[in-house]
Amino acid sequence: MPKKLLKPKQKENEKPEGEIFDFNKPDFSFIPKGRHLWRQQGYYLICHSCDLYHAVFIGMDKIMVGETSEGEPILHKR
């Protein structure tokens, strides 16, 4: 068995600082809903209907003027 590497001044019976995460097996899986409720805030479109807060950067030169029947945002140049 390979020997563990210890930080300076760390004894063998002490636990290493922090928590080890396995990103191949996340604790939370995000499955987006079929339709998002988009609202523009500044330069972003922010979804207010999902459990997980997420947004899309649209830039300074676009403005959201509405949604299509499928729920996709309609963007126009300013």
PDB file of N, CA and C in Angstrom:
ATOM      1  N   MET A   1       0.850  -1.187   0.000  1.00  0.00           N
ATOM      2  CA  MET A   1       0.000   0.000   0.000  1.00  0.00           C
ATOM      3  C   MET A   1       0.890   1.243   0.000  1.00  0.00           C
ATOM      4  N   PRO A   2       0.631   2.223  -0.891  1.00  0.00           N
ATOM      5  CA  PRO A   2       1.473   3.420  -0.936  1.00  0.00           C
ATOM      6  C   PRO A   2       1.302   4.245   0.332  1.00  0.00           C
ATOM      7  N   LYS A   3       2.381   4.891   0.710  1.00  0.00           N
ATOM      8  CA  LYS A   3       2.363   5.713   1.917  1.00  0.00           C
ATOM      9  C   LYS A   3       1.701   7.057   1.621  1.00  0.00           C
ATOM     10  N   LYS A   4       0.857   7.541   2.546  1.00  0.00           N
ATOM     11  CA  LYS A   4       0.182   8.828   2.363  1.00  0.00           C
ATOM     12  C   LYS A   4       1.174   9.967   2.503  1.00  0.00           C
ATOM     13  N   LEU A   5       0.977  10.988   1.690  1.00  0.00           N
ATOM     14  CA  LEU A   5       1.804  12.183   1.807  1.00  0.00           C
ATOM     15  C   LEU A   5       1.173  13.096   2.846  1.00  0.00           C
ATOM     16  N   LEU A   6       1.967  13.565   3.778  1.00  0.00           N
ATOM     17  CA  LEU A   6       1.474  14.439   4.836  1.00  0.00           C
ATOM     18  C   LEU A   6       1.965  15.852   4.614  1.00  0.00           C
ATOM     19  N   LYS A   7       1.130  16.799   4.979  1.00  0.00           N
ATOM     20  CA  LYS A   7       1.551  18.193   4.927  1.00  0.00           C
ATOM     21  C   LYS A   7       2.569  18.429   6.033  1.00  0.00           C
ATOM     22  N   PRO A   8       3.383  19.455   5.919  1.00  0.00           N
ATOM     23  CA  PRO A   8       4.320  19.759   7.000  1.00  0.00           C
ATOM     24  C   PRO A   8       3.560  19.991   8.308  1.00  0.00           C
ATOM     25  N   LYS A   9       4.099  19.486   9.388  1.00  0.00           N
ATOM     26  CA  LYS A   9       3.540  19.612  10.737  1.00  0.00           C
ATOM     27  C   LYS A   9       2.202  18.884  10.878  1.00  0.00           C
ATOM     28  N   GLN A  10       1.946  17.872  10.044  1.00  0.00           N
ATOM     29  CA  GLN A  10       0.717  17.097  10.150  1.00  0.00           C
ATOM     30  C   GLN A  10       1.093  15.721  10.672  1.00  0.00           C
ATOM     31  N   LYS A  11       0.438  15.320  11.725  1.00  0.00           N
ATOM     32  CA  LYS A  11       0.707  14.028  12.320  1.00  0.00           C
ATOM     33  C   LYS A  11      -0.148  12.970  11.635  1.00  0.00           C
ATOM     34  N   GLU A  12       0.249  11.703  11.801  1.00  0.00           N
ATOM     35  CA  GLU A  12      -0.457  10.621  11.122  1.00  0.00           C
ATOM     36  C   GLU A  12      -1.887  10.449  11.610  1.00  0.00           C
ATOM     37  N   ASN A  13      -2.184  10.767  12.862  1.00  0.00           N
ATOM     38  CA  ASN A  13      -3.530  10.563  13.395  1.00  0.00           C
ATOM     39  C   ASN A  13      -4.467  11.727  13.087  1.00  0.00           C
ATOM     40  N   GLU A  14      -3.970  12.806  12.537  1.00  0.00           N
ATOM     41  CA  GLU A  14      -4.815  13.949  12.183  1.00  0.00           C
ATOM     42  C   GLU A  14      -5.433  13.727  10.811  1.00  0.00           C
ATOM     43  N   LYS A  15      -6.658  14.206  10.648  1.00  0.00           N
ATOM     44  CA  LYS A  15      -7.326  14.123   9.351  1.00  0.00           C
ATOM     45  C   LYS A  15      -6.834  15.268   8.469  1.00  0.00           C
ATOM     46  N   PRO A  16      -6.697  15.037   7.173  1.00  0.00           N
ATOM     47  CA  PRO A  16      -6.318  16.146   6.285  1.00  0.00           C
ATOM     48  C   PRO A  16      -7.441  17.178   6.217  1.00  0.00           C
ATOM     49  N   GLU A  17      -7.051  18.419   5.971  1.00  0.00           N
ATOM     50  CA  GLU A  17      -8.039  19.502   5.900  1.00  0.00           C
ATOM     51  C   GLU A  17      -8.913  19.352   4.664  1.00  0.00           C
ATOM     52  N   GLY A  18     -10.170  19.754   4.805  1.00  0.00           N
ATOM     53  CA  GLY A  18     -11.077  19.751   3.663  1.00  0.00           C
ATOM     54  C   GLY A  18     -11.723  18.399   3.450  1.00  0.00           C
ATOM     55  N   GLU A  19     -12.552  18.352   2.435  1.00  0.00           N
ATOM     56  CA  GLU A  19     -13.290  17.145   2.095  1.00  0.00           C
ATOM     57  C   GLU A  19     -12.903  16.727   0.685  1.00  0.00           C
ATOM     58  N   ILE A  20     -12.815  15.438   0.457  1.00  0.00           N
ATOM     59  CA  ILE A  20     -12.461  14.927  -0.867  1.00  0.00           C
ATOM     60  C   ILE A  20     -13.753  14.684  -1.639  1.00  0.00           C
ATOM     61  N   PHE A  21     -13.848  15.262  -2.831  1.00  0.00           N
ATOM     62  CA  PHE A  21     -15.036  15.142  -3.660  1.00  0.00           C
ATOM     63  C   PHE A  21     -14.746  14.247  -4.860  1.00  0.00           C
ATOM     64  N   ASP A  22     -15.710  13.432  -5.221  1.00  0.00           N
ATOM     65  CA  ASP A  22     -15.620  12.619  -6.430  1.00  0.00           C
ATOM     66  C   ASP A  22     -16.575  13.229  -7.447  1.00  0.00           C
ATOM     67  N   PHE A  23     -16.041  13.956  -8.423  1.00  0.00           N
ATOM     68  CA  PHE A  23     -16.867  14.658  -9.387  1.00  0.00           C
ATOM     69  C   PHE A  23     -17.462  13.718 -10.436  1.00  0.00           C
ATOM     70  N   ASN A  24     -17.037  12.470 -10.458  1.00  0.00           N
ATOM     71  CA  ASN A  24     -17.645  11.489 -11.359  1.00  0.00           C
ATOM     72  C   ASN A  24     -18.967  10.968 -10.801  1.00  0.00           C
ATOM     73  N   LYS A  25     -19.189  11.141  -9.502  1.00  0.00           N
ATOM     74  CA  LYS A  25     -20.432  10.714  -8.853  1.00  0.00           C
ATOM     75  C   LYS A  25     -20.983  11.879  -8.036  1.00  0.00           C
ATOM     76  N   PRO A  26     -21.613  12.868  -8.664  1.00  0.00           N
ATOM     77  CA  PRO A  26     -22.101  14.033  -7.918  1.00  0.00           C
ATOM     78  C   PRO A  26     -23.275  13.668  -7.002  1.00  0.00           C
ATOM     79  N   ASP A  27     -23.410  14.414  -5.909  1.00  0.00           N
ATOM     80  CA  ASP A  27     -24.503  14.209  -4.968  1.00  0.00           C
ATOM     81  C   ASP A  27     -25.829  14.723  -5.519  1.00  0.00           C
ATOM     82  N   PHE A  28     -25.772  15.688  -6.431  1.00  0.00           N
ATOM     83  CA  PHE A  28     -26.980  16.328  -6.938  1.00  0.00           C
ATOM     84  C   PHE A  28     -26.969  16.245  -8.456  1.00  0.00           C
ATOM     85  N   SER A  29     -28.052  15.785  -9.042  1.00  0.00           N
ATOM     86  CA  SER A  29     -28.152  15.793 -10.496  1.00  0.00           C
ATOM     87  C   SER A  29     -29.259  16.764 -10.891  1.00  0.00           C
ATOM     88  N   PHE A  30     -28.943  17.651 -11.812  1.00  0.00           N
ATOM     89  CA  PHE A  30     -29.877  18.682 -12.244  1.00  0.00           C
ATOM     90  C   PHE A  30     -30.545  18.241 -13.534  1.00  0.00           C
ATOM     91  N   ILE A  31     -31.850  18.059 -13.489  1.00  0.00           N
ATOM     92  CA  ILE A  31     -32.639  17.739 -14.672  1.00  0.00           C
ATOM     93  C   ILE A  31     -33.560  18.929 -14.906  1.00  0.00           C
ATOM     94  N   PRO A  32     -33.274  19.739 -15.922  1.00  0.00           N
ATOM     95  CA  PRO A  32     -34.082  20.940 -16.136  1.00  0.00           C
ATOM     96  C   PRO A  32     -35.509  20.601 -16.548  1.00  0.00           C
ATOM     97  N   LYS A  33     -36.406  21.482 -16.207  1.00  0.00           N
ATOM     98  CA  LYS A  33     -37.799  21.323 -16.601  1.00  0.00           C
ATOM     99  C   LYS A  33     -37.920  21.534 -18.100  1.00  0.00           C
ATOM    100  N   GLY A  34     -39.034  21.145 -18.672  1.00  0.00           N
ATOM    101  CA  GLY A  34     -39.218  21.274 -20.112  1.00  0.00           C
ATOM    102  C   GLY A  34     -39.280  22.715 -20.570  1.00  0.00           C
ATOM    103  N   ARG A  35     -39.790  23.596 -19.743  1.00  0.00           N
ATOM    104  CA  ARG A  35     -39.936  25.000 -20.119  1.00  0.00           C
ATOM    105  C   ARG A  35     -39.359  25.881 -19.014  1.00  0.00           C
ATOM    106  N   HIS A  36     -38.610  26.887 -19.412  1.00  0.00           N
ATOM    107  CA  HIS A  36     -37.999  27.810 -18.454  1.00  0.00           C
ATOM    108  C   HIS A  36     -38.779  29.121 -18.431  1.00  0.00           C
ATOM    109  N   LEU A  37     -38.805  29.763 -17.302  1.00  0.00           N
ATOM    110  CA  LEU A  37     -39.425  31.073 -17.160  1.00  0.00           C
ATOM    111  C   LEU A  37     -38.286  32.096 -17.115  1.00  0.00           C
ATOM    112  N   TRP A  38     -37.939  32.640 -18.288  1.00  0.00           N
ATOM    113  CA  TRP A  38     -36.803  33.551 -18.414  1.00  0.00           C
ATOM    114  C   TRP A  38     -37.204  34.983 -18.091  1.00  0.00           C
ATOM    115  N   ARG A  39     -36.342  35.688 -17.365  1.00  0.00           N
ATOM    116  CA  ARG A  39     -36.481  37.116 -17.088  1.00  0.00           C
ATOM    117  C   ARG A  39     -35.112  37.748 -17.294  1.00  0.00           C
ATOM    118  N   GLN A  40     -35.097  38.929 -17.911  1.00  0.00           N
ATOM    119  CA  GLN A  40     -33.831  39.616 -18.133  1.00  0.00           C
ATOM    120  C   GLN A  40     -33.484  40.446 -16.912  1.00  0.00           C
ATOM    121  N   GLN A  41     -32.250  40.289 -16.463  1.00  0.00           N
ATOM    122  CA  GLN A  41     -31.705  41.116 -15.395  1.00  0.00           C
ATOM    123  C   GLN A  41     -30.332  41.584 -15.855  1.00  0.00           C
ATOM    124  N   GLY A  42     -30.261  42.841 -16.233  1.00  0.00           N
ATOM    125  CA  GLY A  42     -29.006  43.375 -16.758  1.00  0.00           C
ATOM    126  C   GLY A  42     -28.657  42.737 -18.078  1.00  0.00           C
ATOM    127  N   TYR A  43     -27.474  42.133 -18.151  1.00  0.00           N
ATOM    128  CA  TYR A  43     -26.988  41.511 -19.377  1.00  0.00           C
ATOM    129  C   TYR A  43     -27.237  40.009 -19.394  1.00  0.00           C
ATOM    130  N   TYR A  44     -28.071  39.508 -18.482  1.00  0.00           N
ATOM    131  CA  TYR A  44     -28.314  38.075 -18.352  1.00  0.00           C
ATOM    132  C   TYR A  44     -29.789  37.740 -18.487  1.00  0.00           C
ATOM    133  N   LEU A  45     -30.080  36.537 -18.994  1.00  0.00           N
ATOM    134  CA  LEU A  45     -31.407  35.950 -18.914  1.00  0.00           C
ATOM    135  C   LEU A  45     -31.341  34.938 -17.776  1.00  0.00           C
ATOM    136  N   ILE A  46     -32.195  35.108 -16.786  1.00  0.00           N
ATOM    137  CA  ILE A  46     -32.168  34.268 -15.599  1.00  0.00           C
ATOM    138  C   ILE A  46     -33.442  33.443 -15.546  1.00  0.00           C
ATOM    139  N   CYS A  47     -33.300  32.141 -15.305  1.00  0.00           N
ATOM    140  CA  CYS A  47     -34.439  31.240 -15.207  1.00  0.00           C
ATOM    141  C   CYS A  47     -34.971  31.268 -13.780  1.00  0.00           C
ATOM    142  N   HIS A  48     -36.280  31.566 -13.656  1.00  0.00           N
ATOM    143  CA  HIS A  48     -36.906  31.643 -12.341  1.00  0.00           C
ATOM    144  C   HIS A  48     -37.798  30.438 -12.048  1.00  0.00           C
ATOM    145  N   SER A  49     -37.834  29.457 -12.945  1.00  0.00           N
ATOM    146  CA  SER A  49     -38.738  28.332 -12.732  1.00  0.00           C
ATOM    147  C   SER A  49     -38.037  27.054 -12.270  1.00  0.00           C
ATOM    148  N   CYS A  50     -36.746  26.933 -12.450  1.00  0.00           N
ATOM    149  CA  CYS A  50     -36.029  25.710 -12.068  1.00  0.00           C
ATOM    150  C   CYS A  50     -35.570  25.774 -10.619  1.00  0.00           C
ATOM    151  N   ASP A  51     -35.297  24.585 -10.061  1.00  0.00           N
ATOM    152  CA  ASP A  51     -34.808  24.498  -8.686  1.00  0.00           C
ATOM    153  C   ASP A  51     -33.382  25.029  -8.575  1.00  0.00           C
ATOM    154  N   LEU A  52     -32.595  24.832  -9.620  1.00  0.00           N
ATOM    155  CA  LEU A  52     -31.214  25.293  -9.640  1.00  0.00           C
ATOM    156  C   LEU A  52     -31.152  26.630 -10.374  1.00  0.00           C
ATOM    157  N   TYR A  53     -30.618  27.642  -9.717  1.00  0.00           N
ATOM    158  CA  TYR A  53     -30.502  28.985 -10.269  1.00  0.00           C
ATOM    159  C   TYR A  53     -29.501  28.954 -11.414  1.00  0.00           C
ATOM    160  N   HIS A  54     -29.924  29.325 -12.640  1.00  0.00           N
ATOM    161  CA  HIS A  54     -29.006  29.373 -13.764  1.00  0.00           C
ATOM    162  C   HIS A  54     -29.371  30.532 -14.674  1.00  0.00           C
ATOM    163  N   ALA A  55     -28.372  30.975 -15.451  1.00  0.00           N
ATOM    164  CA  ALA A  55     -28.550  32.156 -16.298  1.00  0.00           C
ATOM    165  C   ALA A  55     -27.732  31.998 -17.572  1.00  0.00           C
ATOM    166  N   VAL A  56     -28.047  32.861 -18.544  1.00  0.00           N
ATOM    167  CA  VAL A  56     -27.342  32.907 -19.824  1.00  0.00           C
ATOM    168  C   VAL A  56     -26.952  34.359 -20.080  1.00  0.00           C
ATOM    169  N   PHE A  57     -25.672  34.566 -20.412  1.00  0.00           N
ATOM    170  CA  PHE A  57     -25.192  35.909 -20.744  1.00  0.00           C
ATOM    171  C   PHE A  57     -25.606  36.243 -22.164  1.00  0.00           C
ATOM    172  N   ILE A  58     -26.324  37.371 -22.351  1.00  0.00           N
ATOM    173  CA  ILE A  58     -26.754  37.769 -23.707  1.00  0.00           C
ATOM    174  C   ILE A  58     -26.012  39.001 -24.198  1.00  0.00           C
ATOM    175  N   GLY A  59     -25.287  39.675 -23.356  1.00  0.00           N
ATOM    176  CA  GLY A  59     -24.493  40.820 -23.770  1.00  0.00           C
ATOM    177  C   GLY A  59     -25.225  42.143 -23.603  1.00  0.00           C
ATOM    178  N   MET A  60     -24.509  43.205 -23.977  1.00  0.00           N
ATOM    179  CA  MET A  60     -25.030  44.563 -23.788  1.00  0.00           C
ATOM    180  C   MET A  60     -25.928  45.020 -24.924  1.00  0.00           C
ATOM    181  N   ASP A  61     -25.830  44.387 -26.076  1.00  0.00           N
ATOM    182  CA  ASP A  61     -26.534  44.899 -27.254  1.00  0.00           C
ATOM    183  C   ASP A  61     -27.876  44.211 -27.518  1.00  0.00           C
ATOM    184  N   LYS A  62     -28.373  43.376 -26.597  1.00  0.00           N
ATOM    185  CA  LYS A  62     -29.645  42.686 -26.813  1.00  0.00           C
ATOM    186  C   LYS A  62     -30.601  42.931 -25.656  1.00  0.00           C
ATOM    187  N   ILE A  63     -31.887  42.858 -25.979  1.00  0.00           N
ATOM    188  CA  ILE A  63     -32.930  43.023 -24.979  1.00  0.00           C
ATOM    189  C   ILE A  63     -34.008  41.963 -25.237  1.00  0.00           C
ATOM    190  N   MET A  64     -34.522  41.387 -24.166  1.00  0.00           N
ATOM    191  CA  MET A  64     -35.577  40.388 -24.307  1.00  0.00           C
ATOM    192  C   MET A  64     -36.914  41.108 -24.434  1.00  0.00           C
ATOM    193  N   VAL A  65     -37.659  40.775 -25.499  1.00  0.00           N
ATOM    194  CA  VAL A  65     -38.932  41.457 -25.737  1.00  0.00           C
ATOM    195  C   VAL A  65     -40.130  40.533 -25.532  1.00  0.00           C
ATOM    196  N   GLY A  66     -39.887  39.251 -25.311  1.00  0.00           N
ATOM    197  CA  GLY A  66     -40.988  38.314 -25.102  1.00  0.00           C
ATOM    198  C   GLY A  66     -40.505  36.883 -25.224  1.00  0.00           C
ATOM    199  N   GLU A  67     -41.485  35.962 -25.317  1.00  0.00           N
ATOM    200  CA  GLU A  67     -41.178  34.549 -25.465  1.00  0.00           C
ATOM    201  C   GLU A  67     -41.992  33.964 -26.610  1.00  0.00           C
ATOM    202  N   THR A  68     -41.456  32.912 -27.225  1.00  0.00           N
ATOM    203  CA  THR A  68     -42.198  32.196 -28.259  1.00  0.00           C
ATOM    204  C   THR A  68     -43.208  31.270 -27.584  1.00  0.00           C
ATOM    205  N   SER A  69     -44.014  30.609 -28.372  1.00  0.00           N
ATOM    206  CA  SER A  69     -44.994  29.682 -27.803  1.00  0.00           C
ATOM    207  C   SER A  69     -44.335  28.477 -27.149  1.00  0.00           C
ATOM    208  N   GLU A  70     -43.077  28.182 -27.529  1.00  0.00           N
ATOM    209  CA  GLU A  70     -42.328  27.081 -26.909  1.00  0.00           C
ATOM    210  C   GLU A  70     -41.586  27.525 -25.658  1.00  0.00           C
ATOM    211  N   GLY A  71     -41.641  28.807 -25.322  1.00  0.00           N
ATOM    212  CA  GLY A  71     -40.964  29.319 -24.130  1.00  0.00           C
ATOM    213  C   GLY A  71     -39.566  29.817 -24.356  1.00  0.00           C
ATOM    214  N   GLU A  72     -39.138  29.908 -25.605  1.00  0.00           N
ATOM    215  CA  GLU A  72     -37.799  30.426 -25.900  1.00  0.00           C
ATOM    216  C   GLU A  72     -37.845  31.951 -25.918  1.00  0.00           C
ATOM    217  N   PRO A  73     -36.821  32.613 -25.380  1.00  0.00           N
ATOM    218  CA  PRO A  73     -36.817  34.079 -25.356  1.00  0.00           C
ATOM    219  C   PRO A  73     -36.649  34.689 -26.749  1.00  0.00           C
ATOM    220  N   ILE A  74     -37.329  35.815 -26.964  1.00  0.00           N
ATOM    221  CA  ILE A  74     -37.185  36.587 -28.207  1.00  0.00           C
ATOM    222  C   ILE A  74     -36.265  37.755 -27.883  1.00  0.00           C
ATOM    223  N   LEU A  75     -35.149  37.843 -28.594  1.00  0.00           N
ATOM    224  CA  LEU A  75     -34.147  38.880 -28.342  1.00  0.00           C
ATOM    225  C   LEU A  75     -34.082  39.831 -29.535  1.00  0.00           C
ATOM    226  N   HIS A  76     -34.009  41.109 -29.250  1.00  0.00           N
ATOM    227  CA  HIS A  76     -33.833  42.131 -30.293  1.00  0.00           C
ATOM    228  C   HIS A  76     -32.596  42.953 -29.952  1.00  0.00           C
ATOM    229  N   LYS A  77     -31.989  43.534 -30.996  1.00  0.00           N
ATOM    230  CA  LYS A  77     -30.878  44.461 -30.750  1.00  0.00           C
ATOM    231  C   LYS A  77     -31.417  45.743 -30.164  1.00  0.00           C
ATOM    232  N   ARG A  78     -30.651  46.375 -29.313  1.00  0.00           N
ATOM    233  CA  ARG A  78     -31.070  47.657 -28.697  1.00  0.00           C
ATOM    234  C   ARG A  78     -30.988  48.775 -29.694  1.00  0.00           C
TER     235      ARG A  78
END
